[in-house]
Amino acid sequence: MASFYLAKAGETPGCHPLTLTRTLGEFPLAGTSLRQHQLAALLALGQVESDGPDADFTVHPAAWFAPAELATFNADSSYATLTAADGCVILTRKGGVRDLRATQSFAIAYAWDLLRANAEAMTARKSYVQESGAHPSLYVEGRLQVGKGTKILPGVVIEGDVIIGDNCKIGPNCYLRGSTAIGDKCHVGQAVEIKNSILLPGTNVGHLSYLGDTILGEKVNLGAGSITSNLRHDGGAHRSPVEGRMVDTGRRKLGAIVGDGVHTGIHTSIYPGRKLWPKTSTLPGAIVDKDLLA
């Protein structure tokens, strides 16, 4: 039976604020860590995990696999490498001689790649379970998972695939759209709209805010009326500053990347693709048009 090794080296990229206090492998996507997604994908093909790099397969720490491409690679022993479109080798096999060029699998190189992986994970997820009750007015058009101890107040609307963790408080009168994953002990309050976003545990989006295509770290607190912009006026792809240069994200819609412990003042407005580093803050009425560094 073939074995695989999940590489650990170099799994903390410095281009965004979300992996300063956690490894990339620990980052949750659709409620499950990236490393667990990688593990499940390989185990589904009948392989076993190895403790060291002498395994038949070595998995890049930032790899995100499309199941069909992974199955194709696994079935043909002549393939030595599975290479993403950007040239990153995300899977290697001993004894192979050919390269399989991926069109759907990719390496998570930037923070916005996490949004892509999260959306794909939520689409592929087969089971959505509601372990807590909700107010009878809850409207769901899509698939909803609700963790234990979570309260869903009157007037909440769900559209698309949404995951809500344990011991959260949602509502009243908020609008959650797919593909949104909310971690444990989060509060999403009055008249908040969230679309295609990831909220890590302990985060508070109290009221009158909009999050689109955005990632919030742990224990973030958004002041009332904090708004992310996620669409350019010309409809083009967003660019985001990374280590002194502007990088084309390839995304038509991209909001903010917000590190752990950030607090925004009321009525903060955030330009598309901007990053707020851990424990930074804004004053009331602030306009964040550049990355906010620690």
C-alpha atoms as a PDB file:
ATOM      1  CA  MET A   1       0.000   0.000   0.000  1.00  0.00           C
ATOM      2  CA  ALA A   2       1.326   3.452  -0.937  1.00  0.00           C
ATOM      3  CA  SER A   3       2.178   5.920   1.812  1.00  0.00           C
ATOM      4  CA  PHE A   4       2.286   9.716   1.864  1.00  0.00           C
ATOM      5  CA  TYR A   5       4.061  12.383   3.853  1.00  0.00           C
ATOM      6  CA  LEU A   6       2.527  15.790   4.617  1.00  0.00           C
ATOM      7  CA  ALA A   7       5.473  18.177   4.457  1.00  0.00           C
ATOM      8  CA  LYS A   8       5.754  20.729   7.244  1.00  0.00           C
ATOM      9  CA  ALA A   9       8.596  22.975   6.114  1.00  0.00           C
ATOM     10  CA  GLY A  10       7.821  26.473   4.927  1.00  0.00           C
ATOM     11  CA  GLU A  11       4.164  26.453   5.880  1.00  0.00           C
ATOM     12  CA  THR A  12       4.109  29.973   7.371  1.00  0.00           C
ATOM     13  CA  PRO A  13       4.229  32.438   4.474  1.00  0.00           C
ATOM     14  CA  GLY A  14       4.949  36.045   5.404  1.00  0.00           C
ATOM     15  CA  CYS A  15       2.725  37.708   2.837  1.00  0.00           C
ATOM     16  CA  HIS A  16      -0.374  38.054   4.990  1.00  0.00           C
ATOM     17  CA  PRO A  17      -1.289  38.421   8.657  1.00  0.00           C
ATOM     18  CA  LEU A  18      -3.240  35.189   9.171  1.00  0.00           C
ATOM     19  CA  THR A  19      -0.364  32.757   9.712  1.00  0.00           C
ATOM     20  CA  LEU A  20       1.602  34.738  12.266  1.00  0.00           C
ATOM     21  CA  THR A  21      -0.105  32.949  15.150  1.00  0.00           C
ATOM     22  CA  ARG A  22      -0.973  29.670  13.403  1.00  0.00           C
ATOM     23  CA  THR A  23       0.513  27.511  10.701  1.00  0.00           C
ATOM     24  CA  LEU A  24      -1.114  27.393   7.301  1.00  0.00           C
ATOM     25  CA  GLY A  25      -1.915  23.733   7.912  1.00  0.00           C
ATOM     26  CA  GLU A  26      -4.002  24.713  10.945  1.00  0.00           C
ATOM     27  CA  PHE A  27      -6.099  27.270   9.077  1.00  0.00           C
ATOM     28  CA  PRO A  28      -9.798  26.241   8.993  1.00  0.00           C
ATOM     29  CA  LEU A  29     -11.559  25.819   5.655  1.00  0.00           C
ATOM     30  CA  ALA A  30     -15.262  24.950   5.875  1.00  0.00           C
ATOM     31  CA  GLY A  31     -14.644  24.249   9.553  1.00  0.00           C
ATOM     32  CA  THR A  32     -11.779  21.772   8.972  1.00  0.00           C
ATOM     33  CA  SER A  33      -8.049  22.503   8.923  1.00  0.00           C
ATOM     34  CA  LEU A  34      -6.150  22.535   5.631  1.00  0.00           C
ATOM     35  CA  ARG A  35      -3.990  19.647   6.863  1.00  0.00           C
ATOM     36  CA  GLN A  36      -7.082  17.572   7.608  1.00  0.00           C
ATOM     37  CA  HIS A  37      -8.406  18.269   4.116  1.00  0.00           C
ATOM     38  CA  GLN A  38      -5.103  17.071   2.643  1.00  0.00           C
ATOM     39  CA  LEU A  39      -5.122  13.997   4.863  1.00  0.00           C
ATOM     40  CA  ALA A  40      -8.694  13.086   3.934  1.00  0.00           C
ATOM     41  CA  ALA A  41      -8.004  13.479   0.210  1.00  0.00           C
ATOM     42  CA  LEU A  42      -5.073  11.048   0.319  1.00  0.00           C
ATOM     43  CA  LEU A  43      -6.765   8.553   2.642  1.00  0.00           C
ATOM     44  CA  ALA A  44      -9.765   8.446   0.285  1.00  0.00           C
ATOM     45  CA  LEU A  45      -7.436   7.013  -2.382  1.00  0.00           C
ATOM     46  CA  GLY A  46      -6.420   4.132  -0.122  1.00  0.00           C
ATOM     47  CA  GLN A  47      -3.046   5.515   0.923  1.00  0.00           C
ATOM     48  CA  VAL A  48      -1.632   5.599   4.441  1.00  0.00           C
ATOM     49  CA  GLU A  49       0.127   8.428   6.245  1.00  0.00           C
ATOM     50  CA  SER A  50       3.860   8.206   6.897  1.00  0.00           C
ATOM     51  CA  ASP A  51       5.903   9.868   9.642  1.00  0.00           C
ATOM     52  CA  GLY A  52       8.799  10.785   7.380  1.00  0.00           C
ATOM     53  CA  PRO A  53       9.878  11.878   3.912  1.00  0.00           C
ATOM     54  CA  ASP A  54      10.638   8.283   2.797  1.00  0.00           C
ATOM     55  CA  ALA A  55       6.993   7.845   1.822  1.00  0.00           C
ATOM     56  CA  ASP A  56       5.936   7.169  -1.769  1.00  0.00           C
ATOM     57  CA  PHE A  57       4.224  10.575  -2.006  1.00  0.00           C
ATOM     58  CA  THR A  58       5.218  13.953  -0.563  1.00  0.00           C
ATOM     59  CA  VAL A  59       2.532  16.637  -0.243  1.00  0.00           C
ATOM     60  CA  HIS A  60       3.396  20.336  -0.402  1.00  0.00           C
ATOM     61  CA  PRO A  61       2.222  22.036   2.841  1.00  0.00           C
ATOM     62  CA  ALA A  62       0.110  24.572   0.917  1.00  0.00           C
ATOM     63  CA  ALA A  63      -1.483  22.092  -1.497  1.00  0.00           C
ATOM     64  CA  TRP A  64      -5.178  22.203  -2.290  1.00  0.00           C
ATOM     65  CA  PHE A  65      -6.320  19.238  -4.361  1.00  0.00           C
ATOM     66  CA  ALA A  66      -9.111  18.859  -6.889  1.00  0.00           C
ATOM     67  CA  PRO A  67     -10.283  15.261  -6.269  1.00  0.00           C
ATOM     68  CA  ALA A  68     -10.416  14.311  -9.958  1.00  0.00           C
ATOM     69  CA  GLU A  69      -6.859  15.504 -10.632  1.00  0.00           C
ATOM     70  CA  LEU A  70      -5.568  13.784  -7.513  1.00  0.00           C
ATOM     71  CA  ALA A  71      -7.246  10.529  -8.576  1.00  0.00           C
ATOM     72  CA  THR A  72      -5.719  10.808 -12.066  1.00  0.00           C
ATOM     73  CA  PHE A  73      -2.255  11.307 -10.594  1.00  0.00           C
ATOM     74  CA  ASN A  74      -2.701   8.423  -8.163  1.00  0.00           C
ATOM     75  CA  ALA A  75      -3.909   5.997 -10.835  1.00  0.00           C
ATOM     76  CA  ASP A  76      -0.907   6.418 -13.163  1.00  0.00           C
ATOM     77  CA  SER A  77       2.425   5.495 -11.602  1.00  0.00           C
ATOM     78  CA  SER A  78       4.331   7.219 -14.415  1.00  0.00           C
ATOM     79  CA  TYR A  79       3.448  10.620 -12.949  1.00  0.00           C
ATOM     80  CA  ALA A  80       6.246  11.996 -10.795  1.00  0.00           C
ATOM     81  CA  THR A  81       4.858  15.454 -10.053  1.00  0.00           C
ATOM     82  CA  LEU A  82       1.546  17.282  -9.898  1.00  0.00           C
ATOM     83  CA  THR A  83       2.251  20.914 -10.736  1.00  0.00           C
ATOM     84  CA  ALA A  84      -0.094  23.880 -10.229  1.00  0.00           C
ATOM     85  CA  ALA A  85      -0.635  26.517 -12.912  1.00  0.00           C
ATOM     86  CA  ASP A  86       1.868  28.860 -11.220  1.00  0.00           C
ATOM     87  CA  GLY A  87       4.612  26.234 -11.455  1.00  0.00           C
ATOM     88  CA  CYS A  88       4.492  25.122  -7.821  1.00  0.00           C
ATOM     89  CA  VAL A  89       4.915  21.342  -7.415  1.00  0.00           C
ATOM     90  CA  ILE A  90       2.207  20.333  -4.957  1.00  0.00           C
ATOM     91  CA  LEU A  91       2.665  16.558  -5.013  1.00  0.00           C
ATOM     92  CA  THR A  92       5.644  14.323  -5.817  1.00  0.00           C
ATOM     93  CA  ARG A  93       5.928  10.585  -6.272  1.00  0.00           C
ATOM     94  CA  LYS A  94       9.019   8.398  -6.130  1.00  0.00           C
ATOM     95  CA  GLY A  95       9.773   6.508  -9.307  1.00  0.00           C
ATOM     96  CA  GLY A  96       7.640   8.558 -11.686  1.00  0.00           C
ATOM     97  CA  VAL A  97       8.952  10.305 -14.788  1.00  0.00           C
ATOM     98  CA  ARG A  98       6.147  12.587 -16.027  1.00  0.00           C
ATOM     99  CA  ASP A  99       4.514  15.790 -14.832  1.00  0.00           C
ATOM    100  CA  LEU A 100       0.753  16.250 -14.580  1.00  0.00           C
ATOM    101  CA  ARG A 101      -0.121  19.918 -15.020  1.00  0.00           C
ATOM    102  CA  ALA A 102      -3.048  20.853 -12.780  1.00  0.00           C
ATOM    103  CA  THR A 103      -5.855  23.142 -13.902  1.00  0.00           C
ATOM    104  CA  GLN A 104      -7.929  22.997 -10.707  1.00  0.00           C
ATOM    105  CA  SER A 105      -5.537  21.996  -7.917  1.00  0.00           C
ATOM    106  CA  PHE A 106      -3.359  24.821  -6.601  1.00  0.00           C
ATOM    107  CA  ALA A 107      -0.995  25.975  -3.875  1.00  0.00           C
ATOM    108  CA  ILE A 108      -2.245  28.473  -1.293  1.00  0.00           C
ATOM    109  CA  ALA A 109       0.287  31.254  -1.788  1.00  0.00           C
ATOM    110  CA  TYR A 110      -1.725  34.318  -0.741  1.00  0.00           C
ATOM    111  CA  ALA A 111      -4.496  35.006   1.738  1.00  0.00           C
ATOM    112  CA  TRP A 112      -7.159  35.283  -0.962  1.00  0.00           C
ATOM    113  CA  ASP A 113      -6.362  31.705  -2.028  1.00  0.00           C
ATOM    114  CA  LEU A 114      -7.921  30.666   1.283  1.00  0.00           C
ATOM    115  CA  LEU A 115     -11.247  32.085   0.109  1.00  0.00           C
ATOM    116  CA  ARG A 116     -11.085  29.951  -3.034  1.00  0.00           C
ATOM    117  CA  ALA A 117     -10.243  26.818  -1.056  1.00  0.00           C
ATOM    118  CA  ASN A 118     -12.967  27.536   1.497  1.00  0.00           C
ATOM    119  CA  ALA A 119     -15.630  27.920  -1.197  1.00  0.00           C
ATOM    120  CA  GLU A 120     -14.554  24.675  -2.867  1.00  0.00           C
ATOM    121  CA  ALA A 121     -14.538  22.852   0.475  1.00  0.00           C
ATOM    122  CA  MET A 122     -18.046  24.032   1.267  1.00  0.00           C
ATOM    123  CA  THR A 123     -19.348  22.983  -2.145  1.00  0.00           C
ATOM    124  CA  ALA A 124     -17.767  19.532  -1.794  1.00  0.00           C
ATOM    125  CA  ARG A 125     -19.015  19.029   1.772  1.00  0.00           C
ATOM    126  CA  LYS A 126     -21.764  16.407   1.794  1.00  0.00           C
ATOM    127  CA  SER A 127     -23.140  16.780   5.316  1.00  0.00           C
ATOM    128  CA  TYR A 128     -24.604  19.951   6.841  1.00  0.00           C
ATOM    129  CA  VAL A 129     -25.978  19.339  10.344  1.00  0.00           C
ATOM    130  CA  GLN A 130     -27.980  21.666  12.590  1.00  0.00           C
ATOM    131  CA  GLU A 131     -27.212  20.876  16.230  1.00  0.00           C
ATOM    132  CA  SER A 132     -28.959  23.930  17.708  1.00  0.00           C
ATOM    133  CA  GLY A 133     -32.419  25.367  17.339  1.00  0.00           C
ATOM    134  CA  ALA A 134     -33.346  28.626  15.643  1.00  0.00           C
ATOM    135  CA  HIS A 135     -36.162  31.141  15.718  1.00  0.00           C
ATOM    136  CA  PRO A 136     -39.099  30.021  13.526  1.00  0.00           C
ATOM    137  CA  SER A 137     -38.566  33.033  11.267  1.00  0.00           C
ATOM    138  CA  LEU A 138     -35.214  31.669  10.025  1.00  0.00           C
ATOM    139  CA  TYR A 139     -35.218  31.519   6.212  1.00  0.00           C
ATOM    140  CA  VAL A 140     -32.781  29.147   4.521  1.00  0.00           C
ATOM    141  CA  GLU A 141     -32.240  28.828   0.803  1.00  0.00           C
ATOM    142  CA  GLY A 142     -29.173  26.600   0.652  1.00  0.00           C
ATOM    143  CA  ARG A 143     -27.357  24.355   3.133  1.00  0.00           C
ATOM    144  CA  LEU A 144     -26.825  25.388   6.737  1.00  0.00           C
ATOM    145  CA  GLN A 145     -24.706  23.854   9.473  1.00  0.00           C
ATOM    146  CA  VAL A 146     -25.209  25.112  13.033  1.00  0.00           C
ATOM    147  CA  GLY A 147     -23.043  24.065  15.972  1.00  0.00           C
ATOM    148  CA  LYS A 148     -24.007  23.275  19.541  1.00  0.00           C
ATOM    149  CA  GLY A 149     -25.194  26.095  21.761  1.00  0.00           C
ATOM    150  CA  THR A 150     -25.608  28.588  18.919  1.00  0.00           C
ATOM    151  CA  LYS A 151     -28.549  31.015  19.010  1.00  0.00           C
ATOM    152  CA  ILE A 152     -30.171  32.232  15.794  1.00  0.00           C
ATOM    153  CA  LEU A 153     -32.420  35.220  16.531  1.00  0.00           C
ATOM    154  CA  PRO A 154     -35.442  36.475  14.534  1.00  0.00           C
ATOM    155  CA  GLY A 155     -35.124  37.762  10.988  1.00  0.00           C
ATOM    156  CA  VAL A 156     -32.042  35.831   9.865  1.00  0.00           C
ATOM    157  CA  VAL A 157     -31.787  34.946   6.167  1.00  0.00           C
ATOM    158  CA  ILE A 158     -29.393  32.298   4.822  1.00  0.00           C
ATOM    159  CA  GLU A 159     -28.659  32.079   1.108  1.00  0.00           C
ATOM    160  CA  GLY A 160     -26.190  29.479  -0.146  1.00  0.00           C
ATOM    161  CA  ASP A 161     -23.885  27.250   1.900  1.00  0.00           C
ATOM    162  CA  VAL A 162     -23.191  28.584   5.400  1.00  0.00           C
ATOM    163  CA  ILE A 163     -21.410  26.991   8.358  1.00  0.00           C
ATOM    164  CA  ILE A 164     -21.817  28.402  11.875  1.00  0.00           C
ATOM    165  CA  GLY A 165     -19.763  27.027  14.753  1.00  0.00           C
ATOM    166  CA  ASP A 166     -20.563  26.317  18.400  1.00  0.00           C
ATOM    167  CA  ASN A 167     -21.831  28.881  20.925  1.00  0.00           C
ATOM    168  CA  CYS A 168     -22.384  31.685  18.437  1.00  0.00           C
ATOM    169  CA  LYS A 169     -25.054  34.378  18.442  1.00  0.00           C
ATOM    170  CA  ILE A 170     -26.495  35.272  15.030  1.00  0.00           C
ATOM    171  CA  GLY A 171     -28.971  38.090  14.427  1.00  0.00           C
ATOM    172  CA  PRO A 172     -31.399  39.612  14.623  1.00  0.00           C
ATOM    173  CA  ASN A 173     -32.094  40.614  11.013  1.00  0.00           C
ATOM    174  CA  CYS A 174     -28.835  39.587   9.388  1.00  0.00           C
ATOM    175  CA  TYR A 175     -28.152  38.177   5.931  1.00  0.00           C
ATOM    176  CA  LEU A 176     -25.576  35.404   5.508  1.00  0.00           C
ATOM    177  CA  ARG A 177     -24.614  34.342   1.998  1.00  0.00           C
ATOM    178  CA  GLY A 178     -22.506  31.480   0.676  1.00  0.00           C
ATOM    179  CA  SER A 179     -19.787  30.500   0.973  1.00  0.00           C
ATOM    180  CA  THR A 180     -19.458  31.763   4.553  1.00  0.00           C
ATOM    181  CA  ALA A 181     -17.826  29.859   7.431  1.00  0.00           C
ATOM    182  CA  ILE A 182     -18.170  31.272  10.953  1.00  0.00           C
ATOM    183  CA  GLY A 183     -16.033  29.865  13.766  1.00  0.00           C
ATOM    184  CA  ASP A 184     -16.962  29.110  17.373  1.00  0.00           C
ATOM    185  CA  LYS A 185     -18.033  31.834  19.821  1.00  0.00           C
ATOM    186  CA  CYS A 186     -18.674  34.477  17.174  1.00  0.00           C
ATOM    187  CA  HIS A 187     -21.300  37.198  17.289  1.00  0.00           C
ATOM    188  CA  VAL A 188     -22.950  38.447  14.100  1.00  0.00           C
ATOM    189  CA  GLY A 189     -25.519  41.044  14.992  1.00  0.00           C
ATOM    190  CA  GLN A 190     -28.257  43.397  13.892  1.00  0.00           C
ATOM    191  CA  ALA A 191     -28.462  44.171  10.160  1.00  0.00           C
ATOM    192  CA  VAL A 192     -25.095  42.612   9.287  1.00  0.00           C
ATOM    193  CA  GLU A 193     -24.532  41.161   5.808  1.00  0.00           C
ATOM    194  CA  ILE A 194     -21.748  38.633   5.205  1.00  0.00           C
ATOM    195  CA  LYS A 195     -20.946  37.047   1.861  1.00  0.00           C
ATOM    196  CA  ASN A 196     -18.272  34.491   0.890  1.00  0.00           C
ATOM    197  CA  SER A 197     -16.195  35.128   4.002  1.00  0.00           C
ATOM    198  CA  ILE A 198     -14.330  33.330   6.782  1.00  0.00           C
ATOM    199  CA  LEU A 199     -14.624  34.349  10.456  1.00  0.00           C
ATOM    200  CA  LEU A 200     -12.251  32.690  12.897  1.00  0.00           C
ATOM    201  CA  PRO A 201     -13.349  31.957  16.496  1.00  0.00           C
ATOM    202  CA  GLY A 202     -14.237  34.651  19.002  1.00  0.00           C
ATOM    203  CA  THR A 203     -14.879  37.386  16.443  1.00  0.00           C
ATOM    204  CA  ASN A 204     -17.569  40.049  16.794  1.00  0.00           C
ATOM    205  CA  VAL A 205     -19.375  41.797  13.934  1.00  0.00           C
ATOM    206  CA  GLY A 206     -21.902  43.560  16.099  1.00  0.00           C
ATOM    207  CA  HIS A 207     -24.238  45.545  13.872  1.00  0.00           C
ATOM    208  CA  LEU A 208     -24.753  47.471  10.638  1.00  0.00           C
ATOM    209  CA  SER A 209     -21.662  46.097   8.883  1.00  0.00           C
ATOM    210  CA  TYR A 210     -20.945  44.489   5.510  1.00  0.00           C
ATOM    211  CA  LEU A 211     -18.295  41.844   4.842  1.00  0.00           C
ATOM    212  CA  GLY A 212     -17.784  40.571   1.306  1.00  0.00           C
ATOM    213  CA  ASP A 213     -15.031  38.149   0.245  1.00  0.00           C
ATOM    214  CA  THR A 214     -13.237  38.863   3.510  1.00  0.00           C
ATOM    215  CA  ILE A 215     -11.295  36.938   6.154  1.00  0.00           C
ATOM    216  CA  LEU A 216     -11.381  37.942   9.829  1.00  0.00           C
ATOM    217  CA  GLY A 217      -8.896  36.424  12.272  1.00  0.00           C
ATOM    218  CA  GLU A 218      -9.590  35.433  15.871  1.00  0.00           C
ATOM    219  CA  LYS A 219     -11.079  37.879  18.387  1.00  0.00           C
ATOM    220  CA  VAL A 220     -11.615  40.656  15.866  1.00  0.00           C
ATOM    221  CA  ASN A 221     -14.117  43.357  16.820  1.00  0.00           C
ATOM    222  CA  LEU A 222     -15.684  45.440  14.055  1.00  0.00           C
ATOM    223  CA  GLY A 223     -17.212  48.716  15.197  1.00  0.00           C
ATOM    224  CA  ALA A 224     -20.741  49.537  14.077  1.00  0.00           C
ATOM    225  CA  GLY A 225     -21.000  50.363  10.400  1.00  0.00           C
ATOM    226  CA  SER A 226     -17.622  48.933   9.393  1.00  0.00           C
ATOM    227  CA  ILE A 227     -17.777  48.255   5.661  1.00  0.00           C
ATOM    228  CA  THR A 228     -15.527  46.310   3.308  1.00  0.00           C
ATOM    229  CA  SER A 229     -15.459  47.205  -0.380  1.00  0.00           C
ATOM    230  CA  ASN A 230     -14.978  44.199  -2.639  1.00  0.00           C
ATOM    231  CA  LEU A 231     -15.645  45.419  -6.213  1.00  0.00           C
ATOM    232  CA  ARG A 232     -13.699  47.799  -8.459  1.00  0.00           C
ATOM    233  CA  HIS A 233     -15.683  50.429 -10.389  1.00  0.00           C
ATOM    234  CA  ASP A 234     -14.305  49.056 -13.661  1.00  0.00           C
ATOM    235  CA  GLY A 235     -15.046  45.438 -12.730  1.00  0.00           C
ATOM    236  CA  GLY A 236     -11.405  44.419 -13.140  1.00  0.00           C
ATOM    237  CA  ALA A 237      -9.337  42.106 -10.974  1.00  0.00           C
ATOM    238  CA  HIS A 238      -8.083  43.480  -7.688  1.00  0.00           C
ATOM    239  CA  ARG A 239      -4.439  44.052  -6.855  1.00  0.00           C
ATOM    240  CA  SER A 240      -3.136  43.829  -3.319  1.00  0.00           C
ATOM    241  CA  PRO A 241       0.187  44.997  -1.829  1.00  0.00           C
ATOM    242  CA  VAL A 242       2.530  42.147  -0.863  1.00  0.00           C
ATOM    243  CA  GLU A 243       6.058  42.812   0.401  1.00  0.00           C
ATOM    244  CA  GLY A 244       6.382  46.143  -1.395  1.00  0.00           C
ATOM    245  CA  ARG A 245       4.770  45.214  -4.707  1.00  0.00           C
ATOM    246  CA  MET A 246       1.229  45.100  -6.037  1.00  0.00           C
ATOM    247  CA  VAL A 247       0.082  41.563  -6.824  1.00  0.00           C
ATOM    248  CA  ASP A 248      -2.737  40.769  -9.232  1.00  0.00           C
ATOM    249  CA  THR A 249      -5.098  38.592  -7.206  1.00  0.00           C
ATOM    250  CA  GLY A 250      -7.045  37.379 -10.234  1.00  0.00           C
ATOM    251  CA  ARG A 251     -10.214  38.012  -8.241  1.00  0.00           C
ATOM    252  CA  ARG A 252     -13.000  40.277  -9.435  1.00  0.00           C
ATOM    253  CA  LYS A 253     -14.283  40.460  -5.841  1.00  0.00           C
ATOM    254  CA  LEU A 254     -12.000  40.719  -2.823  1.00  0.00           C
ATOM    255  CA  GLY A 255     -12.594  42.398   0.505  1.00  0.00           C
ATOM    256  CA  ALA A 256     -10.242  42.709   3.481  1.00  0.00           C
ATOM    257  CA  ILE A 257      -7.745  40.373   5.134  1.00  0.00           C
ATOM    258  CA  VAL A 258      -7.857  41.057   8.876  1.00  0.00           C
ATOM    259  CA  GLY A 259      -5.459  39.584  11.417  1.00  0.00           C
ATOM    260  CA  ASP A 260      -6.161  38.415  14.973  1.00  0.00           C
ATOM    261  CA  GLY A 261      -7.254  40.943  17.589  1.00  0.00           C
ATOM    262  CA  VAL A 262      -7.978  43.840  15.219  1.00  0.00           C
ATOM    263  CA  HIS A 263     -10.481  46.475  16.398  1.00  0.00           C
ATOM    264  CA  THR A 264     -12.106  48.943  14.006  1.00  0.00           C
ATOM    265  CA  GLY A 265     -13.781  52.192  15.025  1.00  0.00           C
ATOM    266  CA  ILE A 266     -17.358  52.860  13.981  1.00  0.00           C
ATOM    267  CA  HIS A 267     -17.932  53.655  10.307  1.00  0.00           C
ATOM    268  CA  THR A 268     -14.551  52.324   9.191  1.00  0.00           C
ATOM    269  CA  SER A 269     -14.361  51.810   5.414  1.00  0.00           C
ATOM    270  CA  ILE A 270     -11.809  49.380   3.991  1.00  0.00           C
ATOM    271  CA  TYR A 271     -10.571  49.391   0.394  1.00  0.00           C
ATOM    272  CA  PRO A 272     -10.573  46.083  -1.520  1.00  0.00           C
ATOM    273  CA  GLY A 273      -7.635  43.769  -0.931  1.00  0.00           C
ATOM    274  CA  ARG A 274      -6.264  45.667   2.050  1.00  0.00           C
ATOM    275  CA  LYS A 275      -4.744  43.843   5.000  1.00  0.00           C
ATOM    276  CA  LEU A 276      -4.934  44.792   8.673  1.00  0.00           C
ATOM    277  CA  TRP A 277      -2.191  43.162  10.698  1.00  0.00           C
ATOM    278  CA  PRO A 278      -2.835  41.599  14.125  1.00  0.00           C
ATOM    279  CA  LYS A 279      -3.831  43.919  16.975  1.00  0.00           C
ATOM    280  CA  THR A 280      -4.023  47.026  14.803  1.00  0.00           C
ATOM    281  CA  SER A 281      -6.967  49.395  15.154  1.00  0.00           C
ATOM    282  CA  THR A 282      -8.736  52.265  13.419  1.00  0.00           C
ATOM    283  CA  LEU A 283     -10.419  55.442  14.645  1.00  0.00           C
ATOM    284  CA  PRO A 284     -14.091  56.219  13.991  1.00  0.00           C
ATOM    285  CA  GLY A 285     -14.717  57.152  10.375  1.00  0.00           C
ATOM    286  CA  ALA A 286     -11.350  55.822   9.200  1.00  0.00           C
ATOM    287  CA  ILE A 287     -10.707  55.004   5.541  1.00  0.00           C
ATOM    288  CA  VAL A 288      -8.236  52.140   5.121  1.00  0.00           C
ATOM    289  CA  ASP A 289      -6.754  52.661   1.651  1.00  0.00           C
ATOM    290  CA  LYS A 290      -3.384  51.061   2.435  1.00  0.00           C
ATOM    291  CA  ASP A 291      -2.357  48.005   4.400  1.00  0.00           C
ATOM    292  CA  LEU A 292      -2.435  48.725   8.127  1.00  0.00           C
ATOM    293  CA  LEU A 293       0.794  47.349   9.559  1.00  0.00           C
ATOM    294  CA  ALA A 294       1.520  46.470  13.156  1.00  0.00           C
END
